[in-house]
Protein backbone atom coordinates (compact mmCIF):
# COMPACT_ATOMS: atom_id res chain seq x y z
CA MET A 1 -0.01 0.01 0.01
CA LYS A 2 2.79 2.43 0.91
CA LEU A 3 4.62 1.62 -2.31
CA ARG A 4 1.51 2.37 -4.37
CA LEU A 5 0.94 5.61 -2.50
CA SER A 6 4.57 6.62 -2.98
CA LEU A 7 4.41 5.83 -6.68
CA PHE A 8 1.14 7.74 -7.04
CA LEU A 9 2.57 10.80 -5.26
CA PHE A 10 5.76 10.65 -7.38
CA LEU A 11 3.74 10.44 -10.59
CA ALA A 12 1.37 13.24 -9.51
CA CYS A 13 4.27 15.53 -8.56
CA SER A 14 6.06 14.74 -11.83
CA LEU A 15 2.98 15.61 -13.85
CA LEU A 16 2.46 18.86 -11.94
CA ALA A 17 6.13 19.83 -12.42
CA GLY A 18 5.85 19.01 -16.09
CA THR A 19 2.71 21.10 -16.41
CA ALA A 20 4.37 24.08 -14.70
CA THR A 21 7.39 23.86 -16.98
CA ALA A 22 5.27 23.33 -20.10
CA GLN A 23 3.34 26.55 -19.57
CA CYS A 24 6.23 28.58 -20.99
CA SER A 25 6.64 28.72 -24.74
CA THR A 26 10.08 29.05 -26.28
CA ALA A 27 8.61 30.57 -29.46
CA PRO A 28 8.69 34.40 -29.52
CA ARG A 29 5.27 36.03 -29.09
CA ALA A 30 4.21 37.92 -32.20
CA PHE A 31 2.68 41.37 -31.98
CA PRO A 32 -0.49 41.88 -34.05
CA ILE A 33 0.18 43.15 -37.54
CA ARG A 34 -0.71 46.76 -38.26
CA GLN A 35 -4.41 47.47 -38.66
CA ASN A 36 -5.31 44.33 -36.64
CA PRO A 37 -6.74 44.40 -33.10
CA ASP A 38 -4.32 44.71 -30.22
CA ILE A 39 -3.67 41.52 -28.24
CA MET A 40 -4.77 41.46 -24.62
CA LEU A 41 -2.97 39.19 -22.15
CA PRO A 42 -4.78 39.14 -18.82
CA PHE A 43 -2.45 38.34 -15.92
CA GLY A 44 -1.70 34.72 -15.35
CA THR A 45 -1.85 33.85 -19.06
CA PHE A 46 1.60 34.50 -20.43
CA CYS A 47 5.07 32.98 -20.11
CA ILE A 48 7.85 32.92 -22.67
CA ALA A 49 11.33 31.45 -22.26
CA ASN A 50 14.53 31.21 -24.20
CA ALA A 51 15.39 27.89 -25.82
CA GLU A 52 16.95 25.23 -23.64
CA VAL A 53 20.72 24.94 -23.80
CA GLY A 54 22.15 21.61 -22.67
CA GLY A 55 18.81 20.61 -21.17
CA VAL A 56 18.72 23.68 -18.88
CA GLN A 57 16.04 26.33 -19.36
CA GLY A 58 17.31 29.86 -19.07
CA GLY A 59 15.29 33.05 -18.61
CA ARG A 60 11.52 33.19 -18.32
CA LEU A 61 9.49 36.32 -18.99
CA ARG A 62 6.23 36.00 -17.03
CA TRP A 63 3.04 37.99 -16.87
CA GLY A 64 1.61 36.08 -13.95
CA THR A 65 0.86 38.04 -10.81
CA GLY A 66 -0.10 41.38 -12.33
CA GLY A 67 3.54 42.17 -13.15
CA LEU A 68 5.85 41.56 -16.08
CA GLU A 69 8.92 39.86 -14.66
CA LEU A 70 12.04 38.14 -16.04
CA PHE A 71 13.52 35.29 -14.01
CA ASP A 72 16.68 33.26 -14.61
CA THR A 73 16.49 29.47 -14.91
CA ASP A 74 13.43 27.31 -14.45
CA ASP A 75 10.60 27.88 -12.00
CA GLY A 76 11.67 29.64 -8.82
CA GLY A 77 14.71 31.39 -10.31
CA LYS A 78 16.17 34.76 -9.38
CA LEU A 79 14.23 37.88 -10.40
CA LEU A 80 16.45 39.65 -12.96
CA TRP A 81 14.20 42.42 -14.26
CA CYS A 82 10.67 43.70 -13.88
CA ALA A 83 8.63 46.38 -15.61
CA GLY A 84 9.08 49.54 -13.59
CA GLY A 85 11.79 48.09 -11.36
CA GLY A 86 14.62 47.70 -13.87
CA ARG A 87 17.55 45.29 -13.63
CA ASN A 88 18.13 43.50 -10.30
CA PRO A 89 14.89 44.92 -8.91
CA ASN A 90 13.36 44.99 -5.51
CA PRO A 91 9.95 43.34 -6.14
CA ILE A 92 8.29 46.22 -4.24
CA ASN A 93 9.21 48.53 -7.15
CA CYS A 94 7.75 46.33 -9.89
CA THR A 95 4.79 47.86 -11.72
CA ARG A 96 1.50 46.04 -11.10
CA GLY A 97 -1.49 46.08 -13.43
CA ASN A 98 -4.41 44.02 -14.72
CA THR A 99 -3.68 43.74 -18.40
CA LEU A 100 -0.67 43.48 -20.71
CA CYS A 101 -1.37 44.66 -24.25
CA LEU A 102 0.71 43.96 -27.33
CA GLN A 103 -0.41 46.83 -29.51
CA GLN A 104 -0.51 46.88 -33.29
CA ASP A 105 1.63 50.02 -33.30
CA GLY A 106 4.44 47.98 -31.68
CA ASN A 107 4.13 49.21 -28.10
CA MET A 108 3.77 46.83 -25.13
CA VAL A 109 1.73 48.45 -22.33
CA ILE A 110 0.62 47.46 -18.81
CA TYR A 111 -2.74 48.88 -17.82
CA ALA A 112 -4.17 49.16 -14.31
CA ASN A 113 -7.91 49.06 -14.58
CA GLN A 114 -10.33 50.16 -11.91
CA GLY A 115 -13.72 48.71 -12.74
CA THR A 116 -13.26 48.91 -16.51
CA ASN A 117 -14.25 46.13 -18.88
CA LEU A 118 -11.02 44.13 -19.22
CA ALA A 119 -12.16 42.74 -22.56
CA LYS A 120 -12.13 46.27 -24.01
CA VAL A 121 -8.81 47.49 -22.54
CA CYS A 122 -6.69 46.57 -25.55
CA ASP A 123 -9.42 47.36 -28.09
CA ASN A 124 -8.18 50.09 -30.48
CA GLY A 125 -11.64 51.69 -30.44
CA ALA A 126 -12.00 51.67 -26.66
CA THR A 127 -12.68 54.99 -24.98
CA ASP A 128 -11.46 53.78 -21.54
CA HIS A 129 -8.15 51.95 -21.72
CA GLY A 130 -7.68 52.27 -17.99
CA VAL A 131 -4.49 53.79 -16.70
CA ALA A 132 -1.25 53.01 -18.53
CA VAL A 133 1.27 52.32 -15.74
CA TRP A 134 4.20 51.10 -17.87
CA ALA A 135 5.13 50.94 -21.55
CA SER A 136 8.05 49.65 -23.61
CA ASN A 137 7.97 52.92 -25.60
CA THR A 138 8.31 51.05 -28.89
CA GLN A 139 5.25 52.57 -30.61
CA GLY A 140 5.77 52.93 -34.32
CA LYS A 141 8.32 50.11 -34.45
CA ASN A 142 5.98 47.39 -35.75
CA ASP A 143 6.90 46.41 -39.32
CA ASP A 144 4.50 43.45 -39.20
CA HIS A 145 7.38 41.21 -38.06
CA GLU A 146 7.66 42.40 -34.43
CA VAL A 147 8.05 39.77 -31.71
CA LEU A 148 8.63 39.60 -27.95
CA GLY A 149 11.12 37.02 -26.70
CA VAL A 150 13.81 36.05 -24.22
CA LEU A 151 17.49 36.04 -25.13
CA ASP A 152 20.28 34.13 -23.36
CA ASN A 153 23.71 35.60 -24.08
CA SER A 154 25.53 32.99 -21.88
CA THR A 155 26.09 35.42 -19.01
CA ASP A 156 22.57 36.81 -18.52
CA GLU A 157 19.03 36.61 -19.84
CA HIS A 158 17.19 39.53 -21.43
CA ALA A 159 13.66 40.24 -22.52
CA PHE A 160 13.58 41.81 -25.98
CA ILE A 161 11.32 43.16 -28.72
CA GLN A 162 12.63 42.68 -32.22
CA ASN A 163 11.39 43.65 -35.65
CA ARG A 164 12.81 42.94 -39.11
CA SER A 165 15.52 45.56 -38.58
CA GLY A 166 16.75 44.10 -35.29
CA ILE A 167 16.21 44.54 -31.55
CA VAL A 168 14.23 47.68 -30.74
CA TRP A 169 13.94 47.10 -26.95
CA ILE A 170 16.00 45.00 -24.57
CA ARG A 171 16.04 44.69 -20.76
């Protein structure tokens, strides 16, 4: 009985760990092409990572607890950067919001919404976008090939936005 219980617990924990790791995509996240609707990412819905090197996952850019944060290594790694807090941040300084928008103009914006309709926050025609509390300041950079990703340069991980011309934002 104890052996079965131990095996069950091992299998359950393995599946949960696999699920947590699998939630991050290693494919860069594309911005919407110009003239298309902005993309809304409510908190808890987004994680992107750099490709594994030697079986070890590097940086993870997460929009999970109302903040956009970059961690090194797999789950539970060191916080390297956060929106509003910069490199090597104190988590208290990280900007918090309700919605992350990838806008068709090429800007990435965190909105803090007080009672607004979250489904309309990233809508180009919305009259109430909420309060923009942080932005990548890359508006006008979208050449219909703009992506958000995570880069590992062997000494550190960086979040980046890149278009056809190259990197337009890196942190």
